[in-house]
Each structure stands twice: as structure tokens, then as C-alpha cells.
Amino acid sequence: MRNKNLINIGKEVIKIEADSLKKLQSYIGKSFEQIIKIILSCKHGKIIVSGVGKSGIIGKKWSATLSSTGTPSFFLDASNASHGDMGQITSNDVIILISLSGASEELKNIIQFASRNRNIKLIGITSKKDSLLYKNADVKFLLPPVTEAGPGGFVPTSSTTVQLALGDAIAIACMRFKKFGKLDFKKFHPSGSLSIKLKTVEDLMLVGRNIPFVNENISMKDALKNIEKKGLGAIVVKNNRNNTNGILTDGDLKRLSNLKFNFHNLKIKDVMKKKPISVDKNMLAAQALSLMNDKKITSLCVHQNKNRNKTVGFIHIHNILNANIT
């Protein structure tokens, strides 16, 4: 088979699946809204996702995405449910069943179990309006008829793509309603590259006695000793009210040393840079690094909320680079 033919096949599959997603978009309506409301109202129960075959695999992804975006959930294998795992379902739970046909034999016992308990809400995701799942679900979402990619149209491709996208849409809708942000997301992803990207300045900054504070009234002679002692290439200057009002860096000292006068007996407040650049502790460390590069500096003061004159931390470019953030 020629390479050109292989490329055309790949493009054709993507086009067929993309067309299926456009169909799904037109199906997002009141039933979608009802699903979100039921999930969000589940305060005393659990969100359980189930399915079999390819739909089961998609169900695992639904559950994982919901859990990682602030909606605790777990996947229940429909086949195992009939062999004891049904005990994981209790009153006030929400069950989401995914099945293209809505008539898979493995789903019947779960549907019957949910129907006997009025406090259990059953959400049915299927493409068949006359199916057992559709008829018995408290909330029904009818998937659009799609063309499966590939010869014969029997390989689950477009149908699973549509199911996957619907799960993402549900998870993100819940996430936005709960105002679940990047800092919340980071708590659920403490390891791996994603965690590194989501590290904030607060995660890496120096605090307490490690902040290179000096009083504005000390002499430059003492300031030099402090810079050397701290080893951070800068000192943060504060006044008698503990407000930060300046900074002095190695670069500043080099510029002063080139001048034709003795500055050692001057007070640091006479030569410091006033109003040092300060960032909020919740800023992403990657953003702080970008700011340092733009301003051509190697350190930043850190404040909390809008109180810029109260330094609660100090971050050096090495703190960020050592955390593998680039």
C-alpha cells in the first residue's frame, strides 16, 4: 500500500469522527443540563460510572476526569456488579450507565437494582430510544447516530469518540460550576510533570528567617556583609514598621563600585532601589520565571493578596530552576 493511501485513510478517519462531534454538539441541551444538576446535587452519595466493553473503558475515563476535577467518582465494572460488587451502590448515589445499545445483558441487574431504590438516580447514556436503559433512566441522554470509521462501519470509533467527549463536557461543566481552579487541580496531582507546571511561588519561596531582610538604616558596609552572608545576590530592605520599601542586588553594588566616591558609610536607604517588584504567592512559578526573564532580574519579593508592602517570601531564580521549571 502506498504511503499516500495511508495518509488519506488517516485523514478520512479523523474527518468522520470530527463530523460525529459536530452532531454531538447539537444534542447538548436540556438533558445535559439535568445531568449536571443531578451530579451537583449529590451531596450525601457517590457518583458511580459503569459500562461494558468499549463503553466501560470510556466509563473509566469519565470517572477519572470527574474525580480529578473536583467531582469524586469511581468506576463499577458492570460484569462484576452481578457478582457482589453491587454492594458498592447505596442510597443517594448517582449511577451513570454508558451503553451504545442500552440493552447489554450485564447492565440489566444494575438497572433493576437502581429502579427498586427511589433514592438512587440513574443517568442513561445511549443511542437507542427503545432500549431498556433509556426507558428506565431518570435522566436520559440520547447519543446522536454516527458513522463508524473503517470498512463496514462496525468498529467502535466515532461512537466512542462521542462518548468520550460527552464525559469531558460533563466534567468541565461541573468543574466550572464549582469554581474548581488550578490550585485545587494541583492538590489532586501532586506527582509528575503536571504537578511541576502547577507549582506556585508559595511552593518554592524562602520564608521566615530565610528571607534576606535588613533594616533601611544600616550602613552599606553592613549591607555588603549581609549580601555575602545570605548568598542570594540580594537583600530586601524594610523600615521600622516592617514594610518593605526597597531592594539591593549584586548588580546595584557593581554599579556603585564604578562611581568615584566612597559609598560604604552611606545608609542603605540612600542607594537602594525603591518599590521592588513583588508577586502574589499564588502566582505560578513558571509565570514568575517569565517575569524575571522579561525584567532581567534574578529574584522577586512575594506578597499575599494585595498587600505589596508586606513581604511574606522571597524567591530566587535558582529556586525555580532547581524545581525543573523552565
C-alpha atoms as a PDB file:
ATOM      1  CA  MET A   1       0.000   0.000   0.000  1.00  0.00           C
ATOM      2  CA  ARG A   2       1.352   3.408  -0.965  1.00  0.00           C
ATOM      3  CA  ASN A   3       2.166   5.989   1.718  1.00  0.00           C
ATOM      4  CA  LYS A   4      -0.297   8.453   0.168  1.00  0.00           C
ATOM      5  CA  ASN A   5      -3.140   5.988   0.639  1.00  0.00           C
ATOM      6  CA  LEU A   6      -2.238   5.529   4.307  1.00  0.00           C
ATOM      7  CA  ILE A   7      -2.275   9.284   4.861  1.00  0.00           C
ATOM      8  CA  ASN A   8      -5.679   9.584   3.185  1.00  0.00           C
ATOM      9  CA  ILE A   9      -7.084   6.839   5.397  1.00  0.00           C
ATOM     10  CA  GLY A  10      -5.888   8.652   8.498  1.00  0.00           C
ATOM     11  CA  LYS A  11      -7.430  11.934   7.352  1.00  0.00           C
ATOM     12  CA  GLU A  12     -10.704  10.208   6.477  1.00  0.00           C
ATOM     13  CA  VAL A  13     -10.994   8.645   9.955  1.00  0.00           C
ATOM     14  CA  ILE A  14     -10.375  11.999  11.639  1.00  0.00           C
ATOM     15  CA  LYS A  15     -12.957  13.720   9.419  1.00  0.00           C
ATOM     16  CA  ILE A  16     -15.618  11.091  10.169  1.00  0.00           C
ATOM     17  CA  GLU A  17     -15.013  11.389  13.899  1.00  0.00           C
ATOM     18  CA  ALA A  18     -14.954  15.203  13.730  1.00  0.00           C
ATOM     19  CA  ASP A  19     -18.328  15.155  11.950  1.00  0.00           C
ATOM     20  CA  SER A  20     -19.648  12.953  14.768  1.00  0.00           C
ATOM     21  CA  LEU A  21     -18.537  15.503  17.359  1.00  0.00           C
ATOM     22  CA  LYS A  22     -20.405  18.236  15.477  1.00  0.00           C
ATOM     23  CA  LYS A  23     -23.539  16.106  15.719  1.00  0.00           C
ATOM     24  CA  LEU A  24     -22.991  15.661  19.457  1.00  0.00           C
ATOM     25  CA  GLN A  25     -22.702  19.423  19.888  1.00  0.00           C
ATOM     26  CA  SER A  26     -26.216  19.864  18.506  1.00  0.00           C
ATOM     27  CA  TYR A  27     -27.517  17.294  21.030  1.00  0.00           C
ATOM     28  CA  ILE A  28     -26.301  19.250  24.057  1.00  0.00           C
ATOM     29  CA  GLY A  29     -29.498  20.617  25.568  1.00  0.00           C
ATOM     30  CA  LYS A  30     -31.880  20.187  28.490  1.00  0.00           C
ATOM     31  CA  SER A  31     -30.929  16.577  29.214  1.00  0.00           C
ATOM     32  CA  PHE A  32     -27.272  17.657  29.532  1.00  0.00           C
ATOM     33  CA  GLU A  33     -28.311  20.384  31.956  1.00  0.00           C
ATOM     34  CA  GLN A  34     -30.300  17.847  34.005  1.00  0.00           C
ATOM     35  CA  ILE A  35     -27.272  15.554  34.230  1.00  0.00           C
ATOM     36  CA  ILE A  36     -25.128  18.377  35.616  1.00  0.00           C
ATOM     37  CA  LYS A  37     -27.781  19.363  38.161  1.00  0.00           C
ATOM     38  CA  ILE A  38     -28.170  15.787  39.425  1.00  0.00           C
ATOM     39  CA  ILE A  39     -24.403  15.340  39.792  1.00  0.00           C
ATOM     40  CA  LEU A  40     -24.015  18.660  41.598  1.00  0.00           C
ATOM     41  CA  SER A  41     -26.931  17.869  43.940  1.00  0.00           C
ATOM     42  CA  CYS A  42     -25.326  14.587  45.016  1.00  0.00           C
ATOM     43  CA  LYS A  43     -24.148  15.700  48.473  1.00  0.00           C
ATOM     44  CA  HIS A  44     -24.597  12.548  50.545  1.00  0.00           C
ATOM     45  CA  GLY A  45     -23.954   9.836  47.977  1.00  0.00           C
ATOM     46  CA  LYS A  46     -21.408   8.802  45.369  1.00  0.00           C
ATOM     47  CA  ILE A  47     -21.051   9.261  41.629  1.00  0.00           C
ATOM     48  CA  ILE A  48     -20.721   5.814  40.074  1.00  0.00           C
ATOM     49  CA  VAL A  49     -19.911   5.312  36.383  1.00  0.00           C
ATOM     50  CA  SER A  50     -20.471   1.942  34.733  1.00  0.00           C
ATOM     51  CA  GLY A  51     -20.476   0.265  31.342  1.00  0.00           C
ATOM     52  CA  VAL A  52     -19.232  -2.778  29.469  1.00  0.00           C
ATOM     53  CA  GLY A  53     -16.872  -3.324  26.581  1.00  0.00           C
ATOM     54  CA  LYS A  54     -15.603  -0.163  24.907  1.00  0.00           C
ATOM     55  CA  SER A  55     -18.221   1.861  26.772  1.00  0.00           C
ATOM     56  CA  GLY A  56     -16.755   0.513  30.007  1.00  0.00           C
ATOM     57  CA  ILE A  57     -13.308   1.746  29.006  1.00  0.00           C
ATOM     58  CA  ILE A  58     -14.804   5.152  28.259  1.00  0.00           C
ATOM     59  CA  GLY A  59     -16.588   4.998  31.621  1.00  0.00           C
ATOM     60  CA  LYS A  60     -13.263   4.621  33.419  1.00  0.00           C
ATOM     61  CA  LYS A  61     -12.061   7.789  31.693  1.00  0.00           C
ATOM     62  CA  TRP A  62     -15.275   9.602  32.708  1.00  0.00           C
ATOM     63  CA  SER A  63     -14.758   8.631  36.328  1.00  0.00           C
ATOM     64  CA  ALA A  64     -11.079   9.599  36.330  1.00  0.00           C
ATOM     65  CA  THR A  65     -11.778  13.004  34.775  1.00  0.00           C
ATOM     66  CA  LEU A  66     -14.649  13.739  37.164  1.00  0.00           C
ATOM     67  CA  SER A  67     -12.523  12.814  40.190  1.00  0.00           C
ATOM     68  CA  SER A  68      -9.551  14.893  39.093  1.00  0.00           C
ATOM     69  CA  THR A  69     -11.708  17.974  38.544  1.00  0.00           C
ATOM     70  CA  GLY A  70     -13.481  18.081  41.893  1.00  0.00           C
ATOM     71  CA  THR A  71     -16.328  15.578  41.491  1.00  0.00           C
ATOM     72  CA  PRO A  72     -15.389  12.381  43.391  1.00  0.00           C
ATOM     73  CA  SER A  73     -16.338   9.322  41.368  1.00  0.00           C
ATOM     74  CA  PHE A  74     -15.446   5.671  40.852  1.00  0.00           C
ATOM     75  CA  PHE A  75     -15.960   3.112  38.099  1.00  0.00           C
ATOM     76  CA  LEU A  76     -18.048  -0.003  38.676  1.00  0.00           C
ATOM     77  CA  ASP A  77     -17.473  -2.890  36.301  1.00  0.00           C
ATOM     78  CA  ALA A  78     -20.939  -3.939  35.125  1.00  0.00           C
ATOM     79  CA  SER A  79     -19.973  -7.595  34.841  1.00  0.00           C
ATOM     80  CA  ASN A  80     -18.654  -7.742  38.421  1.00  0.00           C
ATOM     81  CA  ALA A  81     -21.682  -5.877  39.727  1.00  0.00           C
ATOM     82  CA  SER A  82     -23.775  -9.039  39.387  1.00  0.00           C
ATOM     83  CA  HIS A  83     -21.223 -10.970  41.432  1.00  0.00           C
ATOM     84  CA  GLY A  84     -21.131  -8.976  44.644  1.00  0.00           C
ATOM     85  CA  ASP A  85     -19.909  -5.540  43.592  1.00  0.00           C
ATOM     86  CA  MET A  86     -23.484  -4.247  43.577  1.00  0.00           C
ATOM     87  CA  GLY A  87     -22.918  -3.750  47.307  1.00  0.00           C
ATOM     88  CA  GLN A  88     -20.904  -0.630  46.438  1.00  0.00           C
ATOM     89  CA  ILE A  89     -24.146   1.076  45.427  1.00  0.00           C
ATOM     90  CA  THR A  90     -26.106   2.664  48.281  1.00  0.00           C
ATOM     91  CA  SER A  91     -28.965   5.134  48.752  1.00  0.00           C
ATOM     92  CA  ASN A  92     -28.428   8.688  47.475  1.00  0.00           C
ATOM     93  CA  ASP A  93     -25.912   7.521  44.880  1.00  0.00           C
ATOM     94  CA  VAL A  94     -25.952   8.660  41.262  1.00  0.00           C
ATOM     95  CA  ILE A  95     -25.283   5.941  38.686  1.00  0.00           C
ATOM     96  CA  ILE A  96     -24.194   6.831  35.170  1.00  0.00           C
ATOM     97  CA  LEU A  97     -24.601   3.909  32.766  1.00  0.00           C
ATOM     98  CA  ILE A  98     -22.983   4.173  29.335  1.00  0.00           C
ATOM     99  CA  SER A  99     -24.118   1.782  26.618  1.00  0.00           C
ATOM    100  CA  LEU A 100     -24.431   2.382  22.896  1.00  0.00           C
ATOM    101  CA  SER A 101     -27.221  -0.172  22.539  1.00  0.00           C
ATOM    102  CA  GLY A 102     -28.700   0.360  26.009  1.00  0.00           C
ATOM    103  CA  ALA A 103     -29.516  -3.328  26.063  1.00  0.00           C
ATOM    104  CA  SER A 104     -26.297  -5.032  27.166  1.00  0.00           C
ATOM    105  CA  GLU A 105     -27.136  -8.043  29.327  1.00  0.00           C
ATOM    106  CA  GLU A 106     -24.638  -7.013  32.010  1.00  0.00           C
ATOM    107  CA  LEU A 107     -26.489  -3.727  32.626  1.00  0.00           C
ATOM    108  CA  LYS A 108     -29.883  -5.250  33.414  1.00  0.00           C
ATOM    109  CA  ASN A 109     -29.123  -6.085  37.033  1.00  0.00           C
ATOM    110  CA  ILE A 110     -27.802  -2.597  37.747  1.00  0.00           C
ATOM    111  CA  ILE A 111     -30.863  -1.028  36.116  1.00  0.00           C
ATOM    112  CA  GLN A 112     -33.192  -3.224  38.179  1.00  0.00           C
ATOM    113  CA  PHE A 113     -31.264  -2.517  41.374  1.00  0.00           C
ATOM    114  CA  ALA A 114     -31.476   1.246  40.802  1.00  0.00           C
ATOM    115  CA  SER A 115     -35.182   1.061  39.914  1.00  0.00           C
ATOM    116  CA  ARG A 116     -36.015  -0.583  43.265  1.00  0.00           C
ATOM    117  CA  ASN A 117     -34.423   2.260  45.249  1.00  0.00           C
ATOM    118  CA  ARG A 118     -36.069   5.643  44.727  1.00  0.00           C
ATOM    119  CA  ASN A 119     -33.135   7.435  46.321  1.00  0.00           C
ATOM    120  CA  ILE A 120     -30.749   6.245  43.610  1.00  0.00           C
ATOM    121  CA  LYS A 121     -30.657   8.388  40.469  1.00  0.00           C
ATOM    122  CA  LEU A 122     -29.922   6.606  37.199  1.00  0.00           C
ATOM    123  CA  ILE A 123     -28.449   8.539  34.266  1.00  0.00           C
ATOM    124  CA  GLY A 124     -28.620   6.639  30.986  1.00  0.00           C
ATOM    125  CA  ILE A 125     -26.256   7.420  28.118  1.00  0.00           C
ATOM    126  CA  THR A 126     -27.329   5.506  24.999  1.00  0.00           C
ATOM    127  CA  SER A 127     -28.108   5.841  21.308  1.00  0.00           C
ATOM    128  CA  LYS A 128     -31.269   3.674  21.369  1.00  0.00           C
ATOM    129  CA  LYS A 129     -34.529   5.286  22.381  1.00  0.00           C
ATOM    130  CA  ASP A 130     -36.338   1.950  22.649  1.00  0.00           C
ATOM    131  CA  SER A 131     -33.685   0.372  24.887  1.00  0.00           C
ATOM    132  CA  LEU A 132     -34.110  -0.861  28.463  1.00  0.00           C
ATOM    133  CA  LEU A 133     -31.611   1.726  29.689  1.00  0.00           C
ATOM    134  CA  TYR A 134     -33.342   4.661  28.024  1.00  0.00           C
ATOM    135  CA  LYS A 135     -36.793   3.633  29.279  1.00  0.00           C
ATOM    136  CA  ASN A 136     -35.678   3.170  32.900  1.00  0.00           C
ATOM    137  CA  ALA A 137     -33.245   6.048  33.367  1.00  0.00           C
ATOM    138  CA  ASP A 138     -34.263   9.026  35.497  1.00  0.00           C
ATOM    139  CA  VAL A 139     -32.329  11.257  33.115  1.00  0.00           C
ATOM    140  CA  LYS A 140     -31.727  10.112  29.564  1.00  0.00           C
ATOM    141  CA  PHE A 141     -29.122  11.391  27.148  1.00  0.00           C
ATOM    142  CA  LEU A 142     -29.628  10.187  23.600  1.00  0.00           C
ATOM    143  CA  LEU A 143     -26.373   9.981  21.683  1.00  0.00           C
ATOM    144  CA  PRO A 144     -26.537  11.036  18.007  1.00  0.00           C
ATOM    145  CA  PRO A 145     -26.461   8.423  15.245  1.00  0.00           C
ATOM    146  CA  VAL A 146     -22.909   8.404  13.892  1.00  0.00           C
ATOM    147  CA  THR A 147     -20.935   6.733  11.140  1.00  0.00           C
ATOM    148  CA  GLU A 148     -18.202   4.474  12.439  1.00  0.00           C
ATOM    149  CA  ALA A 149     -14.872   4.874  10.668  1.00  0.00           C
ATOM    150  CA  GLY A 150     -13.491   1.896   8.797  1.00  0.00           C
ATOM    151  CA  PRO A 151     -14.814  -0.669   6.330  1.00  0.00           C
ATOM    152  CA  GLY A 152     -18.284  -1.949   7.168  1.00  0.00           C
ATOM    153  CA  GLY A 153     -18.877   0.676   9.842  1.00  0.00           C
ATOM    154  CA  PHE A 154     -18.758  -1.843  12.692  1.00  0.00           C
ATOM    155  CA  VAL A 155     -15.582  -0.867  14.563  1.00  0.00           C
ATOM    156  CA  PRO A 156     -16.382   1.362  17.597  1.00  0.00           C
ATOM    157  CA  THR A 157     -14.631   4.597  16.650  1.00  0.00           C
ATOM    158  CA  SER A 158     -16.922   7.577  16.182  1.00  0.00           C
ATOM    159  CA  SER A 159     -19.304   6.260  18.833  1.00  0.00           C
ATOM    160  CA  THR A 160     -16.585   6.026  21.477  1.00  0.00           C
ATOM    161  CA  THR A 161     -15.178   9.422  20.466  1.00  0.00           C
ATOM    162  CA  VAL A 162     -18.609  10.931  21.047  1.00  0.00           C
ATOM    163  CA  GLN A 163     -18.939   9.186  24.429  1.00  0.00           C
ATOM    164  CA  LEU A 164     -15.504  10.401  25.487  1.00  0.00           C
ATOM    165  CA  ALA A 165     -16.247  13.997  24.519  1.00  0.00           C
ATOM    166  CA  LEU A 166     -19.577  13.956  26.353  1.00  0.00           C
ATOM    167  CA  GLY A 167     -17.820  12.838  29.540  1.00  0.00           C
ATOM    168  CA  ASP A 168     -15.324  15.669  29.220  1.00  0.00           C
ATOM    169  CA  ALA A 169     -18.134  18.167  28.688  1.00  0.00           C
ATOM    170  CA  ILE A 170     -19.920  16.949  31.824  1.00  0.00           C
ATOM    171  CA  ALA A 171     -16.752  17.052  33.935  1.00  0.00           C
ATOM    172  CA  ILE A 172     -15.775  20.550  32.808  1.00  0.00           C
ATOM    173  CA  ALA A 173     -19.305  21.880  33.318  1.00  0.00           C
ATOM    174  CA  CYS A 174     -19.273  20.576  36.911  1.00  0.00           C
ATOM    175  CA  MET A 175     -15.760  21.923  37.409  1.00  0.00           C
ATOM    176  CA  ARG A 176     -16.712  25.419  36.275  1.00  0.00           C
ATOM    177  CA  PHE A 177     -19.880  25.484  38.355  1.00  0.00           C
ATOM    178  CA  LYS A 178     -17.849  24.551  41.462  1.00  0.00           C
ATOM    179  CA  LYS A 179     -15.212  27.168  40.549  1.00  0.00           C
ATOM    180  CA  PHE A 180     -12.607  24.435  40.760  1.00  0.00           C
ATOM    181  CA  GLY A 181      -9.366  26.170  39.773  1.00  0.00           C
ATOM    182  CA  LYS A 182      -5.748  25.372  39.030  1.00  0.00           C
ATOM    183  CA  LEU A 183      -4.761  25.386  42.709  1.00  0.00           C
ATOM    184  CA  ASP A 184      -7.479  22.824  43.509  1.00  0.00           C
ATOM    185  CA  PHE A 185      -6.406  20.779  40.499  1.00  0.00           C
ATOM    186  CA  LYS A 186      -2.803  20.781  41.733  1.00  0.00           C
ATOM    187  CA  LYS A 187      -3.833  19.193  45.051  1.00  0.00           C
ATOM    188  CA  PHE A 188      -5.111  16.137  43.173  1.00  0.00           C
ATOM    189  CA  HIS A 189      -1.977  15.881  41.007  1.00  0.00           C
ATOM    190  CA  PRO A 190       0.983  16.011  43.421  1.00  0.00           C
ATOM    191  CA  SER A 191       3.290  13.983  41.171  1.00  0.00           C
ATOM    192  CA  GLY A 192       4.522  14.114  37.609  1.00  0.00           C
ATOM    193  CA  SER A 193       5.049  16.841  35.052  1.00  0.00           C
ATOM    194  CA  LEU A 194       1.578  18.278  35.567  1.00  0.00           C
ATOM    195  CA  SER A 195       2.365  18.994  39.218  1.00  0.00           C
ATOM    196  CA  ILE A 196       5.579  20.764  38.205  1.00  0.00           C
ATOM    197  CA  LYS A 197       3.680  23.030  35.800  1.00  0.00           C
ATOM    198  CA  LEU A 198       1.187  23.915  38.536  1.00  0.00           C
ATOM    199  CA  LYS A 199       3.706  24.753  41.252  1.00  0.00           C
ATOM    200  CA  THR A 200       3.182  28.219  42.669  1.00  0.00           C
ATOM    201  CA  VAL A 201       5.630  30.759  44.030  1.00  0.00           C
ATOM    202  CA  GLU A 202       4.473  29.800  47.535  1.00  0.00           C
ATOM    203  CA  ASP A 203       5.628  26.208  46.950  1.00  0.00           C
ATOM    204  CA  LEU A 204       9.212  27.316  46.285  1.00  0.00           C
ATOM    205  CA  MET A 205       9.795  30.640  48.059  1.00  0.00           C
ATOM    206  CA  LEU A 206      12.012  31.276  51.068  1.00  0.00           C
ATOM    207  CA  VAL A 207      10.136  32.255  54.211  1.00  0.00           C
ATOM    208  CA  GLY A 208      10.755  33.421  57.774  1.00  0.00           C
ATOM    209  CA  ARG A 209      14.407  33.865  58.725  1.00  0.00           C
ATOM    210  CA  ASN A 210      15.480  32.744  55.257  1.00  0.00           C
ATOM    211  CA  ILE A 211      14.180  35.966  53.725  1.00  0.00           C
ATOM    212  CA  PRO A 212      17.217  38.297  53.364  1.00  0.00           C
ATOM    213  CA  PHE A 213      15.732  41.195  55.343  1.00  0.00           C
ATOM    214  CA  VAL A 214      17.768  44.196  56.506  1.00  0.00           C
ATOM    215  CA  ASN A 215      16.733  47.487  58.091  1.00  0.00           C
ATOM    216  CA  GLU A 216      16.870  50.593  55.914  1.00  0.00           C
ATOM    217  CA  ASN A 217      19.119  52.390  58.390  1.00  0.00           C
ATOM    218  CA  ILE A 218      22.086  50.015  58.256  1.00  0.00           C
ATOM    219  CA  SER A 219      25.248  51.192  56.562  1.00  0.00           C
ATOM    220  CA  MET A 220      26.302  49.976  53.141  1.00  0.00           C
ATOM    221  CA  LYS A 221      29.311  48.384  54.828  1.00  0.00           C
ATOM    222  CA  ASP A 222      26.966  46.133  56.809  1.00  0.00           C
ATOM    223  CA  ALA A 223      24.758  45.635  53.757  1.00  0.00           C
ATOM    224  CA  LEU A 224      27.704  44.161  51.877  1.00  0.00           C
ATOM    225  CA  LYS A 225      28.291  41.689  54.698  1.00  0.00           C
ATOM    226  CA  ASN A 226      24.620  40.669  54.650  1.00  0.00           C
ATOM    227  CA  ILE A 227      24.564  40.065  50.903  1.00  0.00           C
ATOM    228  CA  GLU A 228      27.657  37.890  51.198  1.00  0.00           C
ATOM    229  CA  LYS A 229      26.249  36.028  54.213  1.00  0.00           C
ATOM    230  CA  LYS A 230      22.834  35.308  52.656  1.00  0.00           C
ATOM    231  CA  GLY A 231      24.323  34.175  49.351  1.00  0.00           C
ATOM    232  CA  LEU A 232      21.220  35.148  47.376  1.00  0.00           C
ATOM    233  CA  GLY A 233      22.627  38.085  45.456  1.00  0.00           C
ATOM    234  CA  ALA A 234      20.120  40.471  47.023  1.00  0.00           C
ATOM    235  CA  ILE A 235      18.763  41.846  50.286  1.00  0.00           C
ATOM    236  CA  VAL A 236      15.247  43.085  50.998  1.00  0.00           C
ATOM    237  CA  VAL A 237      15.062  46.427  52.780  1.00  0.00           C
ATOM    238  CA  LYS A 238      12.313  47.196  55.274  1.00  0.00           C
ATOM    239  CA  ASN A 239      11.572  50.165  57.527  1.00  0.00           C
ATOM    240  CA  ASN A 240      10.848  50.282  61.255  1.00  0.00           C
ATOM    241  CA  ARG A 241       7.191  49.429  60.576  1.00  0.00           C
ATOM    242  CA  ASN A 242       8.314  46.198  58.866  1.00  0.00           C
ATOM    243  CA  ASN A 243       7.111  47.437  55.496  1.00  0.00           C
ATOM    244  CA  THR A 244       9.242  46.553  52.502  1.00  0.00           C
ATOM    245  CA  ASN A 245      10.422  49.681  50.762  1.00  0.00           C
ATOM    246  CA  GLY A 246      13.445  48.635  48.734  1.00  0.00           C
ATOM    247  CA  ILE A 247      15.902  46.031  47.475  1.00  0.00           C
ATOM    248  CA  LEU A 248      19.639  45.968  46.841  1.00  0.00           C
ATOM    249  CA  THR A 249      21.262  43.460  44.492  1.00  0.00           C
ATOM    250  CA  ASP A 250      24.727  42.406  43.405  1.00  0.00           C
ATOM    251  CA  GLY A 251      24.145  44.335  40.190  1.00  0.00           C
ATOM    252  CA  ASP A 252      23.439  47.516  42.130  1.00  0.00           C
ATOM    253  CA  LEU A 253      26.684  47.097  44.065  1.00  0.00           C
ATOM    254  CA  LYS A 254      28.694  46.695  40.876  1.00  0.00           C
ATOM    255  CA  ARG A 255      27.233  49.914  39.513  1.00  0.00           C
ATOM    256  CA  LEU A 256      28.002  51.747  42.768  1.00  0.00           C
ATOM    257  CA  SER A 257      31.584  50.472  42.826  1.00  0.00           C
ATOM    258  CA  ASN A 258      32.182  52.061  39.429  1.00  0.00           C
ATOM    259  CA  LEU A 259      31.342  55.512  40.782  1.00  0.00           C
ATOM    260  CA  LYS A 260      34.073  57.838  42.000  1.00  0.00           C
ATOM    261  CA  PHE A 261      33.010  58.098  45.656  1.00  0.00           C
ATOM    262  CA  ASN A 262      33.072  56.033  48.840  1.00  0.00           C
ATOM    263  CA  PHE A 263      29.556  54.721  49.450  1.00  0.00           C
ATOM    264  CA  HIS A 264      30.364  52.360  52.327  1.00  0.00           C
ATOM    265  CA  ASN A 265      29.319  54.791  55.050  1.00  0.00           C
ATOM    266  CA  LEU A 266      26.008  55.657  53.407  1.00  0.00           C
ATOM    267  CA  LYS A 267      22.789  54.181  54.718  1.00  0.00           C
ATOM    268  CA  ILE A 268      21.247  51.507  52.521  1.00  0.00           C
ATOM    269  CA  LYS A 269      18.035  53.529  52.144  1.00  0.00           C
ATOM    270  CA  ASP A 270      20.041  56.184  50.284  1.00  0.00           C
ATOM    271  CA  VAL A 271      21.134  53.837  47.484  1.00  0.00           C
ATOM    272  CA  MET A 272      18.560  51.026  47.384  1.00  0.00           C
ATOM    273  CA  LYS A 273      16.045  50.521  44.573  1.00  0.00           C
ATOM    274  CA  LYS A 274      12.669  51.653  45.841  1.00  0.00           C
ATOM    275  CA  LYS A 275       9.393  49.759  45.303  1.00  0.00           C
ATOM    276  CA  PRO A 276      10.891  46.349  44.444  1.00  0.00           C
ATOM    277  CA  ILE A 277       8.951  44.077  42.110  1.00  0.00           C
ATOM    278  CA  SER A 278       6.683  41.840  44.167  1.00  0.00           C
ATOM    279  CA  VAL A 279       4.385  38.990  43.088  1.00  0.00           C
ATOM    280  CA  ASP A 280       1.458  37.272  44.759  1.00  0.00           C
ATOM    281  CA  LYS A 281       2.312  33.970  46.424  1.00  0.00           C
ATOM    282  CA  ASN A 282      -0.330  32.196  44.298  1.00  0.00           C
ATOM    283  CA  MET A 283       1.338  33.115  41.004  1.00  0.00           C
ATOM    284  CA  LEU A 284       2.526  30.081  39.051  1.00  0.00           C
ATOM    285  CA  ALA A 285       6.274  29.620  39.407  1.00  0.00           C
ATOM    286  CA  ALA A 286       6.555  29.424  35.610  1.00  0.00           C
ATOM    287  CA  GLN A 287       4.989  32.891  35.359  1.00  0.00           C
ATOM    288  CA  ALA A 288       7.401  34.230  37.961  1.00  0.00           C
ATOM    289  CA  LEU A 289      10.313  32.842  35.923  1.00  0.00           C
ATOM    290  CA  SER A 290       8.972  34.526  32.798  1.00  0.00           C
ATOM    291  CA  LEU A 291       8.695  37.823  34.691  1.00  0.00           C
ATOM    292  CA  MET A 292      12.303  37.537  35.885  1.00  0.00           C
ATOM    293  CA  ASN A 293      13.474  36.910  32.328  1.00  0.00           C
ATOM    294  CA  ASP A 294      11.482  39.862  30.987  1.00  0.00           C
ATOM    295  CA  LYS A 295      12.779  42.237  33.671  1.00  0.00           C
ATOM    296  CA  LYS A 296      16.299  40.754  33.540  1.00  0.00           C
ATOM    297  CA  ILE A 297      16.355  40.154  37.299  1.00  0.00           C
ATOM    298  CA  THR A 298      17.127  37.075  39.391  1.00  0.00           C
ATOM    299  CA  SER A 299      14.810  37.415  42.388  1.00  0.00           C
ATOM    300  CA  LEU A 300      11.384  38.618  43.471  1.00  0.00           C
ATOM    301  CA  CYS A 301       9.704  39.677  46.692  1.00  0.00           C
ATOM    302  CA  VAL A 302       6.482  37.828  47.440  1.00  0.00           C
ATOM    303  CA  HIS A 303       3.334  39.267  48.987  1.00  0.00           C
ATOM    304  CA  GLN A 304      -0.101  37.948  49.943  1.00  0.00           C
ATOM    305  CA  ASN A 305      -3.307  39.256  48.381  1.00  0.00           C
ATOM    306  CA  LYS A 306      -2.860  42.976  47.587  1.00  0.00           C
ATOM    307  CA  ASN A 307      -0.582  43.833  50.495  1.00  0.00           C
ATOM    308  CA  ARG A 308       2.521  44.520  48.408  1.00  0.00           C
ATOM    309  CA  ASN A 309       4.461  46.316  51.110  1.00  0.00           C
ATOM    310  CA  LYS A 310       4.419  43.248  53.390  1.00  0.00           C
ATOM    311  CA  THR A 311       6.918  40.693  52.106  1.00  0.00           C
ATOM    312  CA  VAL A 312       5.970  37.132  53.148  1.00  0.00           C
ATOM    313  CA  GLY A 313       8.507  35.360  50.969  1.00  0.00           C
ATOM    314  CA  PHE A 314      11.482  35.703  48.657  1.00  0.00           C
ATOM    315  CA  ILE A 315      12.125  33.656  45.528  1.00  0.00           C
ATOM    316  CA  HIS A 316      15.355  33.375  43.579  1.00  0.00           C
ATOM    317  CA  ILE A 317      15.591  32.151  40.009  1.00  0.00           C
ATOM    318  CA  HIS A 318      17.572  29.145  41.245  1.00  0.00           C
ATOM    319  CA  ASN A 319      14.625  28.067  43.430  1.00  0.00           C
ATOM    320  CA  ILE A 320      12.540  27.796  40.275  1.00  0.00           C
ATOM    321  CA  LEU A 321      15.146  26.183  38.034  1.00  0.00           C
ATOM    322  CA  ASN A 322      16.036  23.624  40.709  1.00  0.00           C
ATOM    323  CA  ALA A 323      12.375  22.546  40.653  1.00  0.00           C
ATOM    324  CA  ASN A 324      12.801  21.698  36.932  1.00  0.00           C
ATOM    325  CA  ILE A 325      10.543  24.557  35.865  1.00  0.00           C
ATOM    326  CA  THR A 326      11.694  26.154  32.638  1.00  0.00           C
END
